[in-house]
Structure formats: C-alpha cells, structure tokens
Amino acid sequence: MNYKTIAQVRDAGIARVLIVALRAHGFHPLEPRDGGLPGVPNIFGAEGVGIEVPENEMADATLLVEDLLKDMTEADPAKPPY
C-alpha cells in the first residue's frame, strides 16, 4: 500500500490530534516515525511532522485535515492559543 503525505505540522501534539481524528473518521494514517536510534527522541526536519495516509484515502483525508487545522489555528479570544 502506498502512503502519501497530506500535511506537515511543526507541533508534534497537533500531529497526534490529527492522527487520532483521522482514525476516528475511519482513515488509516501512519504513526509518526521515531528518530531511529535507541534513546533518541523523534527528530523532525524543518517541515515538521508529516501526516501520511494511503493513496486511496488522500482526497477525503486532506479535506478533513485542512478543516481541523483551520479550526485549531483560528484565534478565539476566549481560549488560550495552542
């Protein structure tokens, strides 16, 4: 099965939320990969954490992630920023 990156986020916490939301909606995202060395935390590039889903889920998953990111990044004076 071929996976494609549908989003890159700099915050690992937001990436985890997106992955959980995708799974809750029936998608099959990959878990973020570790740095590859024992005892070394995840090492993310300048682009951040990639959210990857199977090619056949790409279009619908992209719509969901875009909407979730929009909701998560909109400024709401009643809530503290992420």
PDB file of N, CA and C in Angstrom:
ATOM      1  N   MET A   1       0.853  -1.169   0.000  1.00  0.00           N
ATOM      2  CA  MET A   1       0.000   0.000   0.000  1.00  0.00           C
ATOM      3  C   MET A   1       0.907   1.243   0.000  1.00  0.00           C
ATOM      4  N   ASN A   2       0.626   2.171  -0.900  1.00  0.00           N
ATOM      5  CA  ASN A   2       1.408   3.404  -0.983  1.00  0.00           C
ATOM      6  C   ASN A   2       0.774   4.492  -0.124  1.00  0.00           C
ATOM      7  N   TYR A   3       1.612   5.144   0.666  1.00  0.00           N
ATOM      8  CA  TYR A   3       1.159   6.236   1.525  1.00  0.00           C
ATOM      9  C   TYR A   3       1.657   7.563   0.968  1.00  0.00           C
ATOM     10  N   LYS A   4       0.851   8.599   1.134  1.00  0.00           N
ATOM     11  CA  LYS A   4       1.201   9.948   0.692  1.00  0.00           C
ATOM     12  C   LYS A   4       1.064  10.917   1.849  1.00  0.00           C
ATOM     13  N   THR A   5       1.953  11.893   1.894  1.00  0.00           N
ATOM     14  CA  THR A   5       1.898  12.931   2.917  1.00  0.00           C
ATOM     15  C   THR A   5       0.840  13.950   2.511  1.00  0.00           C
ATOM     16  N   ILE A   6      -0.112  14.194   3.406  1.00  0.00           N
ATOM     17  CA  ILE A   6      -1.184  15.151   3.109  1.00  0.00           C
ATOM     18  C   ILE A   6      -1.017  16.459   3.869  1.00  0.00           C
ATOM     19  N   ALA A   7      -0.147  16.463   4.884  1.00  0.00           N
ATOM     20  CA  ALA A   7       0.076  17.688   5.661  1.00  0.00           C
ATOM     21  C   ALA A   7       1.390  17.575   6.413  1.00  0.00           C
ATOM     22  N   GLN A   8       1.965  18.718   6.722  1.00  0.00           N
ATOM     23  CA  GLN A   8       3.162  18.812   7.561  1.00  0.00           C
ATOM     24  C   GLN A   8       2.833  19.804   8.672  1.00  0.00           C
ATOM     25  N   VAL A   9       3.013  19.410   9.911  1.00  0.00           N
ATOM     26  CA  VAL A   9       2.769  20.312  11.035  1.00  0.00           C
ATOM     27  C   VAL A   9       4.011  20.353  11.913  1.00  0.00           C
ATOM     28  N   ARG A  10       4.300  21.513  12.457  1.00  0.00           N
ATOM     29  CA  ARG A  10       5.508  21.679  13.271  1.00  0.00           C
ATOM     30  C   ARG A  10       5.342  21.193  14.705  1.00  0.00           C
ATOM     31  N   ASP A  11       4.111  21.160  15.180  1.00  0.00           N
ATOM     32  CA  ASP A  11       3.833  20.778  16.558  1.00  0.00           C
ATOM     33  C   ASP A  11       3.460  19.295  16.612  1.00  0.00           C
ATOM     34  N   ALA A  12       4.260  18.495  17.324  1.00  0.00           N
ATOM     35  CA  ALA A  12       4.008  17.059  17.420  1.00  0.00           C
ATOM     36  C   ALA A  12       2.671  16.768  18.098  1.00  0.00           C
ATOM     37  N   GLY A  13       2.248  17.619  19.026  1.00  0.00           N
ATOM     38  CA  GLY A  13       0.961  17.435  19.694  1.00  0.00           C
ATOM     39  C   GLY A  13      -0.200  17.582  18.726  1.00  0.00           C
ATOM     40  N   ILE A  14      -0.113  18.567  17.851  1.00  0.00           N
ATOM     41  CA  ILE A  14      -1.160  18.763  16.843  1.00  0.00           C
ATOM     42  C   ILE A  14      -1.169  17.582  15.878  1.00  0.00           C
ATOM     43  N   ALA A  15       0.009  17.076  15.538  1.00  0.00           N
ATOM     44  CA  ALA A  15       0.092  15.907  14.657  1.00  0.00           C
ATOM     45  C   ALA A  15      -0.624  14.718  15.287  1.00  0.00           C
ATOM     46  N   ARG A  16      -0.423  14.506  16.586  1.00  0.00           N
ATOM     47  CA  ARG A  16      -1.093  13.393  17.269  1.00  0.00           C
ATOM     48  C   ARG A  16      -2.610  13.573  17.252  1.00  0.00           C
ATOM     49  N   VAL A  17      -3.078  14.792  17.474  1.00  0.00           N
ATOM     50  CA  VAL A  17      -4.522  15.061  17.443  1.00  0.00           C
ATOM     51  C   VAL A  17      -5.083  14.765  16.051  1.00  0.00           C
ATOM     52  N   LEU A  18      -4.375  15.188  15.015  1.00  0.00           N
ATOM     53  CA  LEU A  18      -4.833  14.941  13.649  1.00  0.00           C
ATOM     54  C   LEU A  18      -4.893  13.445  13.344  1.00  0.00           C
ATOM     55  N   ILE A  19      -3.898  12.705  13.783  1.00  0.00           N
ATOM     56  CA  ILE A  19      -3.868  11.263  13.538  1.00  0.00           C
ATOM     57  C   ILE A  19      -5.035  10.575  14.245  1.00  0.00           C
ATOM     58  N   VAL A  20      -5.304  10.968  15.488  1.00  0.00           N
ATOM     59  CA  VAL A  20      -6.431  10.384  16.226  1.00  0.00           C
ATOM     60  C   VAL A  20      -7.747  10.739  15.532  1.00  0.00           C
ATOM     61  N   ALA A  21      -7.890  11.978  15.094  1.00  0.00           N
ATOM     62  CA  ALA A  21      -9.121  12.390  14.416  1.00  0.00           C
ATOM     63  C   ALA A  21      -9.304  11.628  13.102  1.00  0.00           C
ATOM     64  N   LEU A  22      -8.216  11.444  12.359  1.00  0.00           N
ATOM     65  CA  LEU A  22      -8.309  10.680  11.115  1.00  0.00           C
ATOM     66  C   LEU A  22      -8.766   9.245  11.393  1.00  0.00           C
ATOM     67  N   ARG A  23      -8.178   8.623  12.406  1.00  0.00           N
ATOM     68  CA  ARG A  23      -8.574   7.246  12.758  1.00  0.00           C
ATOM     69  C   ARG A  23     -10.047   7.196  13.187  1.00  0.00           C
ATOM     70  N   ALA A  24     -10.474   8.197  13.952  1.00  0.00           N
ATOM     71  CA  ALA A  24     -11.865   8.233  14.418  1.00  0.00           C
ATOM     72  C   ALA A  24     -12.849   8.361  13.256  1.00  0.00           C
ATOM     73  N   HIS A  25     -12.389   8.940  12.151  1.00  0.00           N
ATOM     74  CA  HIS A  25     -13.243   9.100  10.975  1.00  0.00           C
ATOM     75  C   HIS A  25     -13.059   7.957   9.965  1.00  0.00           C
ATOM     76  N   GLY A  26     -12.334   6.905  10.358  1.00  0.00           N
ATOM     77  CA  GLY A  26     -12.223   5.730   9.504  1.00  0.00           C
ATOM     78  C   GLY A  26     -11.031   5.700   8.559  1.00  0.00           C
ATOM     79  N   PHE A  27     -10.129   6.667   8.677  1.00  0.00           N
ATOM     80  CA  PHE A  27      -8.928   6.683   7.838  1.00  0.00           C
ATOM     81  C   PHE A  27      -7.827   5.846   8.504  1.00  0.00           C
ATOM     82  N   HIS A  28      -6.753   5.605   7.773  1.00  0.00           N
ATOM     83  CA  HIS A  28      -5.672   4.743   8.257  1.00  0.00           C
ATOM     84  C   HIS A  28      -4.317   5.447   8.168  1.00  0.00           C
ATOM     85  N   PRO A  29      -4.100   6.503   8.966  1.00  0.00           N
ATOM     86  CA  PRO A  29      -2.816   7.217   8.905  1.00  0.00           C
ATOM     87  C   PRO A  29      -1.691   6.403   9.537  1.00  0.00           C
ATOM     88  N   LEU A  30      -0.469   6.658   9.069  1.00  0.00           N
ATOM     89  CA  LEU A  30       0.708   6.051   9.689  1.00  0.00           C
ATOM     90  C   LEU A  30       1.038   6.796  10.968  1.00  0.00           C
ATOM     91  N   GLU A  31       1.597   6.076  11.922  1.00  0.00           N
ATOM     92  CA  GLU A  31       2.106   6.716  13.135  1.00  0.00           C
ATOM     93  C   GLU A  31       3.394   7.466  12.781  1.00  0.00           C
ATOM     94  N   PRO A  32       3.657   8.600  13.434  1.00  0.00           N
ATOM     95  CA  PRO A  32       4.932   9.292  13.179  1.00  0.00           C
ATOM     96  C   PRO A  32       6.099   8.369  13.496  1.00  0.00           C
ATOM     97  N   ARG A  33       7.145   8.486  12.701  1.00  0.00           N
ATOM     98  CA  ARG A  33       8.304   7.612  12.877  1.00  0.00           C
ATOM     99  C   ARG A  33       9.266   8.180  13.908  1.00  0.00           C
ATOM    100  N   ASP A  34       9.958   7.279  14.615  1.00  0.00           N
ATOM    101  CA  ASP A  34      10.968   7.686  15.589  1.00  0.00           C
ATOM    102  C   ASP A  34      12.233   8.119  14.882  1.00  0.00           C
ATOM    103  N   GLY A  35      13.151   8.706  15.677  1.00  0.00           N
ATOM    104  CA  GLY A  35      14.420   9.159  15.134  1.00  0.00           C
ATOM    105  C   GLY A  35      15.285   8.030  14.617  1.00  0.00           C
ATOM    106  N   GLY A  36      15.034   6.800  15.055  1.00  0.00           N
ATOM    107  CA  GLY A  36      15.750   5.664  14.528  1.00  0.00           C
ATOM    108  C   GLY A  36      16.852   5.136  15.423  1.00  0.00           C
ATOM    109  N   LEU A  37      17.228   5.858  16.462  1.00  0.00           N
ATOM    110  CA  LEU A  37      18.262   5.420  17.378  1.00  0.00           C
ATOM    111  C   LEU A  37      17.665   5.210  18.764  1.00  0.00           C
ATOM    112  N   PRO A  38      18.055   4.148  19.451  1.00  0.00           N
ATOM    113  CA  PRO A  38      17.530   3.937  20.800  1.00  0.00           C
ATOM    114  C   PRO A  38      17.854   5.111  21.720  1.00  0.00           C
ATOM    115  N   GLY A  39      16.879   5.562  22.457  1.00  0.00           N
ATOM    116  CA  GLY A  39      17.093   6.656  23.403  1.00  0.00           C
ATOM    117  C   GLY A  39      17.091   8.039  22.786  1.00  0.00           C
ATOM    118  N   VAL A  40      16.936   8.123  21.486  1.00  0.00           N
ATOM    119  CA  VAL A  40      16.916   9.431  20.812  1.00  0.00           C
ATOM    120  C   VAL A  40      15.462   9.772  20.519  1.00  0.00           C
ATOM    121  N   PRO A  41      15.009  10.938  20.974  1.00  0.00           N
ATOM    122  CA  PRO A  41      13.622  11.308  20.695  1.00  0.00           C
ATOM    123  C   PRO A  41      13.423  11.563  19.204  1.00  0.00           C
ATOM    124  N   ASN A  42      12.168  11.704  18.817  1.00  0.00           N
ATOM    125  CA  ASN A  42      11.877  11.983  17.412  1.00  0.00           C
ATOM    126  C   ASN A  42      12.663  13.184  16.927  1.00  0.00           C
ATOM    127  N   ILE A  43      13.201  13.047  15.751  1.00  0.00           N
ATOM    128  CA  ILE A  43      13.946  14.146  15.138  1.00  0.00           C
ATOM    129  C   ILE A  43      13.143  14.586  13.929  1.00  0.00           C
ATOM    130  N   PHE A  44      12.633  15.800  13.977  1.00  0.00           N
ATOM    131  CA  PHE A  44      11.801  16.289  12.890  1.00  0.00           C
ATOM    132  C   PHE A  44      12.595  17.281  12.064  1.00  0.00           C
ATOM    133  N   GLY A  45      12.365  17.256  10.765  1.00  0.00           N
ATOM    134  CA  GLY A  45      13.003  18.200   9.876  1.00  0.00           C
ATOM    135  C   GLY A  45      12.374  19.570  10.004  1.00  0.00           C
ATOM    136  N   ALA A  46      12.838  20.471   9.181  1.00  0.00           N
ATOM    137  CA  ALA A  46      12.325  21.838   9.204  1.00  0.00           C
ATOM    138  C   ALA A  46      10.838  21.890   8.856  1.00  0.00           C
ATOM    139  N   GLU A  47      10.363  20.895   8.117  1.00  0.00           N
ATOM    140  CA  GLU A  47       8.959  20.866   7.713  1.00  0.00           C
ATOM    141  C   GLU A  47       8.052  20.390   8.831  1.00  0.00           C
ATOM    142  N   GLY A  48       8.584  19.741   9.827  1.00  0.00           N
ATOM    143  CA  GLY A  48       7.784  19.232  10.928  1.00  0.00           C
ATOM    144  C   GLY A  48       7.415  17.778  10.750  1.00  0.00           C
ATOM    145  N   VAL A  49       6.263  17.403  11.281  1.00  0.00           N
ATOM    146  CA  VAL A  49       5.782  16.023  11.266  1.00  0.00           C
ATOM    147  C   VAL A  49       4.872  15.838  10.060  1.00  0.00           C
ATOM    148  N   GLY A  50       5.140  14.814   9.276  1.00  0.00           N
ATOM    149  CA  GLY A  50       4.299  14.519   8.119  1.00  0.00           C
ATOM    150  C   GLY A  50       3.125  13.644   8.513  1.00  0.00           C
ATOM    151  N   ILE A  51       1.943  13.971   8.022  1.00  0.00           N
ATOM    152  CA  ILE A  51       0.744  13.159   8.222  1.00  0.00           C
ATOM    153  C   ILE A  51       0.561  12.369   6.926  1.00  0.00           C
ATOM    154  N   GLU A  52       0.668  11.034   7.028  1.00  0.00           N
ATOM    155  CA  GLU A  52       0.617  10.183   5.841  1.00  0.00           C
ATOM    156  C   GLU A  52      -0.584   9.252   5.892  1.00  0.00           C
ATOM    157  N   VAL A  53      -1.277   9.145   4.746  1.00  0.00           N
ATOM    158  CA  VAL A  53      -2.426   8.243   4.618  1.00  0.00           C
ATOM    159  C   VAL A  53      -2.286   7.459   3.323  1.00  0.00           C
ATOM    160  N   PRO A  54      -3.021   6.324   3.200  1.00  0.00           N
ATOM    161  CA  PRO A  54      -2.996   5.583   1.935  1.00  0.00           C
ATOM    162  C   PRO A  54      -3.468   6.461   0.776  1.00  0.00           C
ATOM    163  N   GLU A  55      -2.925   6.200  -0.404  1.00  0.00           N
ATOM    164  CA  GLU A  55      -3.271   6.992  -1.586  1.00  0.00           C
ATOM    165  C   GLU A  55      -4.771   7.060  -1.840  1.00  0.00           C
ATOM    166  N   ASN A  56      -5.463   5.943  -1.645  1.00  0.00           N
ATOM    167  CA  ASN A  56      -6.895   5.927  -1.946  1.00  0.00           C
ATOM    168  C   ASN A  56      -7.728   6.723  -0.934  1.00  0.00           C
ATOM    169  N   GLU A  57      -7.141   7.141   0.180  1.00  0.00           N
ATOM    170  CA  GLU A  57      -7.839   7.955   1.187  1.00  0.00           C
ATOM    171  C   GLU A  57      -7.407   9.421   1.132  1.00  0.00           C
ATOM    172  N   MET A  58      -6.470   9.723   0.266  1.00  0.00           N
ATOM    173  CA  MET A  58      -5.810  11.022   0.265  1.00  0.00           C
ATOM    174  C   MET A  58      -6.770  12.208   0.106  1.00  0.00           C
ATOM    175  N   ALA A  59      -7.667  12.163  -0.849  1.00  0.00           N
ATOM    176  CA  ALA A  59      -8.544  13.311  -1.121  1.00  0.00           C
ATOM    177  C   ALA A  59      -9.440  13.639   0.071  1.00  0.00           C
ATOM    178  N   ASP A  60     -10.135  12.641   0.595  1.00  0.00           N
ATOM    179  CA  ASP A  60     -11.053  12.884   1.706  1.00  0.00           C
ATOM    180  C   ASP A  60     -10.310  13.229   2.991  1.00  0.00           C
ATOM    181  N   ALA A  61      -9.191  12.555   3.247  1.00  0.00           N
ATOM    182  CA  ALA A  61      -8.411  12.827   4.455  1.00  0.00           C
ATOM    183  C   ALA A  61      -7.836  14.244   4.419  1.00  0.00           C
ATOM    184  N   THR A  62      -7.444  14.702   3.248  1.00  0.00           N
ATOM    185  CA  THR A  62      -6.907  16.061   3.113  1.00  0.00           C
ATOM    186  C   THR A  62      -7.967  17.095   3.490  1.00  0.00           C
ATOM    187  N   LEU A  63      -9.197  16.884   3.030  1.00  0.00           N
ATOM    188  CA  LEU A  63     -10.281  17.812   3.379  1.00  0.00           C
ATOM    189  C   LEU A  63     -10.484  17.880   4.886  1.00  0.00           C
ATOM    190  N   LEU A  64     -10.495  16.723   5.539  1.00  0.00           N
ATOM    191  CA  LEU A  64     -10.684  16.678   6.984  1.00  0.00           C
ATOM    192  C   LEU A  64      -9.545  17.391   7.701  1.00  0.00           C
ATOM    193  N   VAL A  65      -8.303  17.095   7.325  1.00  0.00           N
ATOM    194  CA  VAL A  65      -7.146  17.703   7.987  1.00  0.00           C
ATOM    195  C   VAL A  65      -7.135  19.216   7.781  1.00  0.00           C
ATOM    196  N   GLU A  66      -7.448  19.671   6.589  1.00  0.00           N
ATOM    197  CA  GLU A  66      -7.483  21.119   6.339  1.00  0.00           C
ATOM    198  C   GLU A  66      -8.519  21.801   7.229  1.00  0.00           C
ATOM    199  N   ASP A  67      -9.700  21.198   7.351  1.00  0.00           N
ATOM    200  CA  ASP A  67     -10.742  21.778   8.215  1.00  0.00           C
ATOM    201  C   ASP A  67     -10.320  21.765   9.684  1.00  0.00           C
ATOM    202  N   LEU A  68      -9.718  20.668  10.129  1.00  0.00           N
ATOM    203  CA  LEU A  68      -9.279  20.586  11.524  1.00  0.00           C
ATOM    204  C   LEU A  68      -8.180  21.614  11.810  1.00  0.00           C
ATOM    205  N   LEU A  69      -7.220  21.742  10.908  1.00  0.00           N
ATOM    206  CA  LEU A  69      -6.144  22.725  11.114  1.00  0.00           C
ATOM    207  C   LEU A  69      -6.699  24.142  11.131  1.00  0.00           C
ATOM    208  N   LYS A  70      -7.665  24.404  10.276  1.00  0.00           N
ATOM    209  CA  LYS A  70      -8.294  25.732  10.259  1.00  0.00           C
ATOM    210  C   LYS A  70      -8.956  26.016  11.609  1.00  0.00           C
ATOM    211  N   ASP A  71      -9.707  25.035  12.106  1.00  0.00           N
ATOM    212  CA  ASP A  71     -10.374  25.197  13.404  1.00  0.00           C
ATOM    213  C   ASP A  71      -9.367  25.345  14.541  1.00  0.00           C
ATOM    214  N   MET A  72      -8.273  24.615  14.478  1.00  0.00           N
ATOM    215  CA  MET A  72      -7.285  24.628  15.559  1.00  0.00           C
ATOM    216  C   MET A  72      -6.439  25.899  15.563  1.00  0.00           C
ATOM    217  N   THR A  73      -6.325  26.561  14.437  1.00  0.00           N
ATOM    218  CA  THR A  73      -5.449  27.729  14.370  1.00  0.00           C
ATOM    219  C   THR A  73      -6.189  29.057  14.353  1.00  0.00           C
ATOM    220  N   GLU A  74      -7.511  29.013  14.277  1.00  0.00           N
ATOM    221  CA  GLU A  74      -8.277  30.267  14.327  1.00  0.00           C
ATOM    222  C   GLU A  74      -8.160  30.871  15.716  1.00  0.00           C
ATOM    223  N   ALA A  75      -7.962  32.163  15.757  1.00  0.00           N
ATOM    224  CA  ALA A  75      -7.835  32.860  17.031  1.00  0.00           C
ATOM    225  C   ALA A  75      -9.210  33.019  17.678  1.00  0.00           C
ATOM    226  N   ASP A  76      -9.323  32.575  18.897  1.00  0.00           N
ATOM    227  CA  ASP A  76     -10.539  32.726  19.684  1.00  0.00           C
ATOM    228  C   ASP A  76     -10.160  33.445  20.973  1.00  0.00           C
ATOM    229  N   PRO A  77     -10.641  34.675  21.181  1.00  0.00           N
ATOM    230  CA  PRO A  77     -10.225  35.436  22.356  1.00  0.00           C
ATOM    231  C   PRO A  77     -10.571  34.752  23.686  1.00  0.00           C
ATOM    232  N   ALA A  78     -11.562  33.853  23.683  1.00  0.00           N
ATOM    233  CA  ALA A  78     -11.957  33.178  24.911  1.00  0.00           C
ATOM    234  C   ALA A  78     -11.036  32.010  25.262  1.00  0.00           C
ATOM    235  N   LYS A  79     -10.217  31.561  24.299  1.00  0.00           N
ATOM    236  CA  LYS A  79      -9.341  30.414  24.533  1.00  0.00           C
ATOM    237  C   LYS A  79      -7.873  30.839  24.405  1.00  0.00           C
ATOM    238  N   PRO A  80      -7.005  30.212  25.190  1.00  0.00           N
ATOM    239  CA  PRO A  80      -5.580  30.478  25.004  1.00  0.00           C
ATOM    240  C   PRO A  80      -5.091  29.831  23.704  1.00  0.00           C
ATOM    241  N   PRO A  81      -4.033  30.371  23.085  1.00  0.00           N
ATOM    242  CA  PRO A  81      -3.520  29.771  21.849  1.00  0.00           C
ATOM    243  C   PRO A  81      -2.881  28.418  22.127  1.00  0.00           C
ATOM    244  N   TYR A  82      -2.793  27.589  21.096  1.00  0.00           N
ATOM    245  CA  TYR A  82      -2.184  26.256  21.207  1.00  0.00           C
ATOM    246  C   TYR A  82      -0.708  26.358  21.371  1.00  0.00           C
TER     247      TYR A  82
END
